[in-house]
N, C-alpha and C. Protein backbone atom coordinates (compact mmCIF):
# COMPACT_ATOMS: atom_id res chain seq x y z
N MET A 1 -12.76 0.70 7.27
CA MET A 1 -12.58 2.20 7.30
C MET A 1 -13.86 2.69 6.65
N ASN A 2 -14.52 3.78 7.32
CA ASN A 2 -15.78 4.37 6.63
C ASN A 2 -15.34 5.53 5.78
N ASN A 3 -16.17 6.17 5.14
CA ASN A 3 -15.92 7.16 4.24
C ASN A 3 -15.30 8.49 5.02
N GLN A 4 -15.85 8.82 6.18
CA GLN A 4 -15.10 9.90 6.98
C GLN A 4 -13.86 9.71 7.31
N ASP A 5 -13.51 8.37 7.71
CA ASP A 5 -12.05 8.10 8.03
C ASP A 5 -11.18 8.15 6.76
N ALA A 6 -11.68 7.70 5.63
CA ALA A 6 -10.91 7.72 4.44
C ALA A 6 -10.69 9.23 4.05
N VAL A 7 -11.69 10.08 4.11
CA VAL A 7 -11.48 11.57 3.77
C VAL A 7 -10.43 12.15 4.72
N VAL A 8 -10.52 11.85 6.06
CA VAL A 8 -9.57 12.44 6.94
C VAL A 8 -8.08 11.97 6.62
N SER A 9 -7.99 10.72 6.34
CA SER A 9 -6.68 10.10 6.03
C SER A 9 -6.19 10.79 4.70
N ILE A 10 -6.95 10.98 3.73
CA ILE A 10 -6.52 11.51 2.46
C ILE A 10 -6.19 13.20 2.81
N LEU A 11 -6.94 13.85 3.60
CA LEU A 11 -6.68 15.27 3.99
C LEU A 11 -5.25 15.35 4.63
N HIS A 12 -5.03 14.37 5.59
CA HIS A 12 -3.77 14.38 6.37
C HIS A 12 -2.66 14.16 5.41
N GLU A 13 -2.72 13.26 4.54
CA GLU A 13 -1.77 13.05 3.50
C GLU A 13 -1.45 14.28 2.63
N CYS A 14 -2.58 14.92 2.22
CA CYS A 14 -2.35 16.18 1.42
C CYS A 14 -1.61 17.22 2.16
N LYS A 15 -2.02 17.33 3.47
CA LYS A 15 -1.38 18.32 4.26
C LYS A 15 0.13 17.96 4.42
N ARG A 16 0.43 16.74 4.66
CA ARG A 16 1.80 16.34 4.82
C ARG A 16 2.62 16.62 3.68
N VAL A 17 2.07 16.36 2.42
CA VAL A 17 2.72 16.57 1.23
C VAL A 17 2.99 18.16 0.92
N LEU A 18 1.97 18.86 1.27
CA LEU A 18 2.00 20.42 1.13
C LEU A 18 3.08 20.98 1.99
N ASP A 19 3.01 20.45 3.30
CA ASP A 19 4.11 20.95 4.30
C ASP A 19 5.47 20.71 3.74
N HIS A 20 5.64 19.55 3.12
CA HIS A 20 6.93 19.12 2.68
C HIS A 20 7.32 20.00 1.48
N LEU A 21 6.46 20.27 0.61
CA LEU A 21 6.63 21.13 -0.49
C LEU A 21 7.08 22.57 -0.06
N LEU A 22 6.37 23.04 0.92
CA LEU A 22 6.58 24.36 1.40
C LEU A 22 8.11 24.53 2.02
N LEU A 23 8.51 23.52 2.68
CA LEU A 23 9.79 23.53 3.20
C LEU A 23 10.99 23.51 2.28
N GLU A 24 10.65 22.86 0.95
CA GLU A 24 11.67 22.75 -0.01
C GLU A 24 12.04 24.11 -0.66
N THR A 25 13.20 24.50 -0.81
CA THR A 25 13.62 25.75 -1.46
C THR A 25 13.62 25.44 -3.01
N PRO A 26 13.00 26.38 -3.94
CA PRO A 26 13.09 26.09 -5.31
C PRO A 26 14.44 26.13 -5.82
N ASP A 27 14.76 25.32 -6.70
CA ASP A 27 16.03 25.17 -7.27
C ASP A 27 16.06 26.09 -8.49
N VAL A 28 16.53 27.35 -8.32
CA VAL A 28 16.60 28.27 -9.44
C VAL A 28 18.00 28.57 -9.82
N SER A 29 18.35 28.21 -11.01
CA SER A 29 19.73 28.25 -11.57
C SER A 29 20.19 29.73 -11.72
N THR A 30 21.46 29.96 -11.84
CA THR A 30 22.02 31.26 -12.04
C THR A 30 21.60 31.74 -13.32
N GLU A 31 21.47 30.86 -14.31
CA GLU A 31 20.97 31.17 -15.62
C GLU A 31 19.53 31.66 -15.73
N ASP A 32 18.63 31.04 -14.83
CA ASP A 32 17.26 31.36 -14.92
C ASP A 32 17.20 32.82 -14.03
N LYS A 33 18.15 33.08 -13.04
CA LYS A 33 18.03 34.32 -12.39
C LYS A 33 18.51 35.38 -13.30
N SER A 34 19.58 35.21 -14.11
CA SER A 34 20.01 36.31 -15.04
C SER A 34 19.02 36.46 -16.24
N GLU A 35 18.32 35.53 -16.69
CA GLU A 35 17.25 35.72 -17.57
C GLU A 35 16.06 36.49 -17.07
N ASP A 36 15.71 36.19 -15.82
CA ASP A 36 14.74 37.06 -15.13
C ASP A 36 15.05 38.51 -15.11
N GLN A 37 16.33 38.77 -14.64
CA GLN A 37 16.88 40.08 -14.57
C GLN A 37 16.83 40.87 -15.93
N ARG A 38 17.30 40.12 -17.02
CA ARG A 38 17.10 40.64 -18.35
C ARG A 38 15.69 41.06 -18.78
N CYS A 39 14.82 40.13 -18.48
CA CYS A 39 13.33 40.45 -18.88
C CYS A 39 12.84 41.60 -18.00
N ARG A 40 13.21 41.78 -16.76
CA ARG A 40 12.66 42.72 -15.98
C ARG A 40 13.29 44.09 -16.48
N ALA A 41 14.50 44.06 -16.83
CA ALA A 41 15.20 45.26 -17.30
C ALA A 41 14.56 45.76 -18.55
N SER A 42 14.10 44.88 -19.33
CA SER A 42 13.36 45.26 -20.62
C SER A 42 12.02 45.86 -20.46
N LEU A 43 11.45 45.83 -19.22
CA LEU A 43 10.07 46.41 -19.03
C LEU A 43 10.30 47.88 -18.78
N PRO A 44 9.25 48.61 -19.10
CA PRO A 44 9.18 50.07 -18.91
C PRO A 44 9.23 50.21 -17.39
N ARG A 45 9.77 51.45 -17.02
CA ARG A 45 10.03 51.77 -15.58
C ARG A 45 8.68 51.73 -14.71
N GLU A 46 7.56 52.31 -15.35
CA GLU A 46 6.27 52.34 -14.74
C GLU A 46 5.79 50.87 -14.37
N LEU A 47 5.93 50.12 -15.36
CA LEU A 47 5.54 48.60 -15.23
C LEU A 47 6.27 47.91 -14.08
N ARG A 48 7.62 48.16 -14.06
CA ARG A 48 8.41 47.51 -13.08
C ARG A 48 7.91 48.08 -11.78
N THR A 49 7.62 49.39 -11.62
CA THR A 49 7.19 49.97 -10.38
C THR A 49 5.90 49.33 -9.96
N LEU A 50 4.98 49.22 -10.74
CA LEU A 50 3.76 48.55 -10.54
C LEU A 50 3.90 47.03 -10.15
N ILE A 51 4.69 46.35 -10.77
CA ILE A 51 5.07 45.01 -10.31
C ILE A 51 5.53 44.99 -8.89
N GLN A 52 6.49 45.90 -8.60
CA GLN A 52 7.19 45.85 -7.28
C GLN A 52 6.14 46.26 -6.26
N GLU A 53 5.38 47.23 -6.49
CA GLU A 53 4.27 47.48 -5.68
C GLU A 53 3.37 46.51 -5.27
N ALA A 54 2.95 45.69 -6.30
CA ALA A 54 2.05 44.61 -6.13
C ALA A 54 2.66 43.50 -5.25
N LYS A 55 3.96 43.25 -5.54
CA LYS A 55 4.67 42.32 -4.77
C LYS A 55 4.71 42.59 -3.30
N GLU A 56 4.85 43.95 -2.95
CA GLU A 56 5.06 44.33 -1.65
C GLU A 56 3.67 44.66 -1.07
N MET A 57 2.61 44.31 -1.78
CA MET A 57 1.20 44.62 -1.48
C MET A 57 0.95 46.02 -0.80
N LYS A 58 1.42 46.84 -1.57
CA LYS A 58 1.34 48.38 -1.11
C LYS A 58 -0.13 48.86 -1.27
N TRP A 59 -0.88 48.21 -2.19
CA TRP A 59 -2.28 48.61 -2.46
C TRP A 59 -3.30 47.71 -1.79
N PRO A 60 -4.33 48.25 -1.19
CA PRO A 60 -5.44 47.40 -0.53
C PRO A 60 -5.99 46.54 -1.50
N PHE A 61 -6.04 47.03 -2.77
CA PHE A 61 -6.47 46.29 -3.91
C PHE A 61 -5.56 46.65 -5.06
N VAL A 62 -5.61 46.01 -6.18
CA VAL A 62 -4.70 46.27 -7.27
C VAL A 62 -5.44 47.24 -8.23
N PRO A 63 -5.35 48.58 -8.17
CA PRO A 63 -6.01 49.38 -9.19
C PRO A 63 -5.55 49.42 -10.49
N GLU A 64 -6.22 49.48 -11.40
CA GLU A 64 -5.77 49.40 -12.86
C GLU A 64 -5.26 50.79 -13.16
N LYS A 65 -3.97 51.21 -12.58
CA LYS A 65 -3.54 52.54 -12.87
C LYS A 65 -3.43 52.89 -14.20
N TRP A 66 -3.05 51.85 -15.25
CA TRP A 66 -2.83 52.19 -16.57
C TRP A 66 -4.07 52.63 -17.33
N GLN A 67 -5.28 52.45 -16.82
CA GLN A 67 -6.34 52.73 -17.36
C GLN A 67 -6.80 54.21 -17.29
N TYR A 68 -6.28 54.88 -16.25
CA TYR A 68 -6.67 56.21 -15.98
C TYR A 68 -6.01 57.19 -17.05
N LYS A 69 -6.89 58.17 -17.53
CA LYS A 69 -6.29 59.19 -18.40
C LYS A 69 -5.64 60.23 -17.53
N GLN A 70 -4.59 60.78 -18.15
CA GLN A 70 -3.79 61.79 -17.51
C GLN A 70 -4.37 63.12 -17.70
N ALA A 71 -5.09 63.28 -18.80
CA ALA A 71 -5.64 64.60 -19.18
C ALA A 71 -7.08 64.42 -19.55
N MET A 72 -7.93 65.39 -19.24
CA MET A 72 -9.34 65.36 -19.67
C MET A 72 -9.70 66.26 -20.83
N SER A 73 -10.45 65.73 -21.74
CA SER A 73 -10.84 66.56 -23.03
C SER A 73 -12.26 66.95 -22.67
N PRO A 74 -12.75 67.94 -23.51
CA PRO A 74 -14.17 68.28 -23.32
C PRO A 74 -15.20 67.10 -23.52
N GLU A 75 -14.81 66.08 -24.38
CA GLU A 75 -15.56 65.07 -24.64
C GLU A 75 -15.77 64.09 -23.30
N ASP A 76 -14.79 64.11 -22.59
CA ASP A 76 -14.67 63.29 -21.33
C ASP A 76 -15.69 63.92 -20.25
N LYS A 77 -15.91 65.20 -20.40
CA LYS A 77 -16.81 65.88 -19.37
C LYS A 77 -18.26 65.96 -19.76
N THR A 78 -18.63 65.14 -20.87
CA THR A 78 -20.07 65.28 -21.27
C THR A 78 -20.92 64.63 -20.25
N ASN A 79 -21.97 65.22 -19.86
CA ASN A 79 -22.98 64.85 -19.03
C ASN A 79 -24.03 64.19 -19.84
N LEU A 80 -24.29 62.84 -19.55
CA LEU A 80 -25.31 62.03 -20.29
C LEU A 80 -26.66 62.62 -19.88
N GLN A 81 -26.99 62.98 -18.74
CA GLN A 81 -28.24 63.50 -18.38
C GLN A 81 -28.59 64.81 -19.20
N ASP A 82 -27.61 65.65 -19.38
CA ASP A 82 -27.94 66.98 -20.15
C ASP A 82 -28.12 66.47 -21.71
N MET A 83 -27.45 65.44 -22.16
CA MET A 83 -27.60 65.05 -23.65
C MET A 83 -29.03 64.46 -23.76
N ILE A 84 -29.43 63.62 -22.85
CA ILE A 84 -30.73 62.94 -22.92
C ILE A 84 -31.82 63.99 -22.62
N GLY A 85 -31.63 64.84 -21.73
CA GLY A 85 -32.67 65.78 -21.43
C GLY A 85 -32.91 66.75 -22.61
N ALA A 86 -31.94 67.07 -23.21
CA ALA A 86 -32.10 68.05 -24.33
C ALA A 86 -33.05 67.37 -25.41
N ARG A 87 -33.01 66.12 -25.65
CA ARG A 87 -33.92 65.56 -26.62
C ARG A 87 -35.02 64.68 -26.09
N LEU A 88 -35.21 64.64 -24.65
CA LEU A 88 -36.16 63.83 -24.09
C LEU A 88 -37.65 64.04 -24.71
N GLN A 89 -38.06 65.23 -24.80
CA GLN A 89 -39.38 65.62 -25.30
C GLN A 89 -39.62 65.03 -26.72
N GLN A 90 -38.52 65.21 -27.53
CA GLN A 90 -38.63 64.70 -28.86
C GLN A 90 -38.60 63.08 -28.80
N LEU A 91 -38.04 62.53 -27.90
CA LEU A 91 -37.91 61.05 -27.89
C LEU A 91 -39.34 60.51 -27.29
N LEU A 92 -39.79 61.35 -26.35
CA LEU A 92 -41.15 60.74 -25.83
C LEU A 92 -42.29 61.00 -26.91
N VAL A 93 -42.19 62.13 -27.64
CA VAL A 93 -43.12 62.25 -28.74
C VAL A 93 -43.21 61.12 -29.63
N GLY A 94 -42.00 60.83 -30.08
CA GLY A 94 -41.78 59.71 -31.06
C GLY A 94 -42.23 58.27 -30.45
N LYS A 95 -42.08 58.17 -29.21
CA LYS A 95 -42.60 56.87 -28.50
C LYS A 95 -44.01 56.83 -28.42
N ALA A 96 -44.79 58.08 -28.18
CA ALA A 96 -46.08 58.17 -27.94
C ALA A 96 -46.99 58.04 -29.33
N THR A 97 -46.25 58.31 -30.43
CA THR A 97 -46.98 58.32 -31.73
C THR A 97 -46.90 56.84 -32.22
N PRO A 98 -48.10 56.20 -32.44
CA PRO A 98 -48.13 54.86 -32.90
C PRO A 98 -47.68 54.83 -34.36
N PRO A 99 -47.21 53.60 -34.75
CA PRO A 99 -46.57 53.51 -36.03
C PRO A 99 -47.76 53.47 -37.12
N VAL A 100 -47.46 54.00 -38.22
CA VAL A 100 -48.43 54.16 -39.35
C VAL A 100 -48.35 52.74 -40.04
N PRO A 101 -49.43 52.18 -40.42
CA PRO A 101 -49.43 50.87 -41.10
C PRO A 101 -48.31 50.70 -42.30
N SER A 102 -48.13 51.69 -42.97
CA SER A 102 -47.13 51.72 -44.10
C SER A 102 -45.71 51.53 -43.50
N ASP A 103 -45.55 51.99 -42.29
CA ASP A 103 -44.20 51.74 -41.60
C ASP A 103 -44.04 50.32 -41.02
N ILE A 104 -45.01 49.47 -40.99
CA ILE A 104 -44.79 48.21 -40.42
C ILE A 104 -44.48 47.19 -41.57
N PRO A 105 -43.36 46.50 -41.43
CA PRO A 105 -43.04 45.55 -42.53
C PRO A 105 -44.08 44.43 -42.56
N LYS A 106 -44.37 44.03 -43.82
CA LYS A 106 -45.29 42.86 -44.01
C LYS A 106 -44.53 41.67 -43.93
N SER A 107 -45.18 40.60 -43.32
CA SER A 107 -44.57 39.32 -43.20
C SER A 107 -44.92 38.55 -44.44
N ASP A 108 -43.98 37.68 -44.82
CA ASP A 108 -44.15 36.82 -45.94
C ASP A 108 -44.52 35.45 -45.60
N LYS A 109 -45.94 35.24 -45.35
CA LYS A 109 -46.41 33.96 -44.84
C LYS A 109 -46.77 33.03 -46.02
């Protein structure tokens, strides 16, 4: 048996085992089901809704809904371009000015 035949044989065996596992129904006890229901009931309503929507694949992708703010404050509306533009000339002058030798730390060699 060459390597290719061995790989084919192993892949067929893997597929057979997977097919067998897919046909088996999971043995979930009544106790496990009631524990699952208790845990779900303890979750906030919004989280239960998100989990249900994810299970039903209602979203083309899973948005991180919990990250979005409900209300915007003035700080959230800050335009970085305006902030940088207001001090750009000052920043450029500081960049163009060479350091004075007294500003340069001396190395201890």
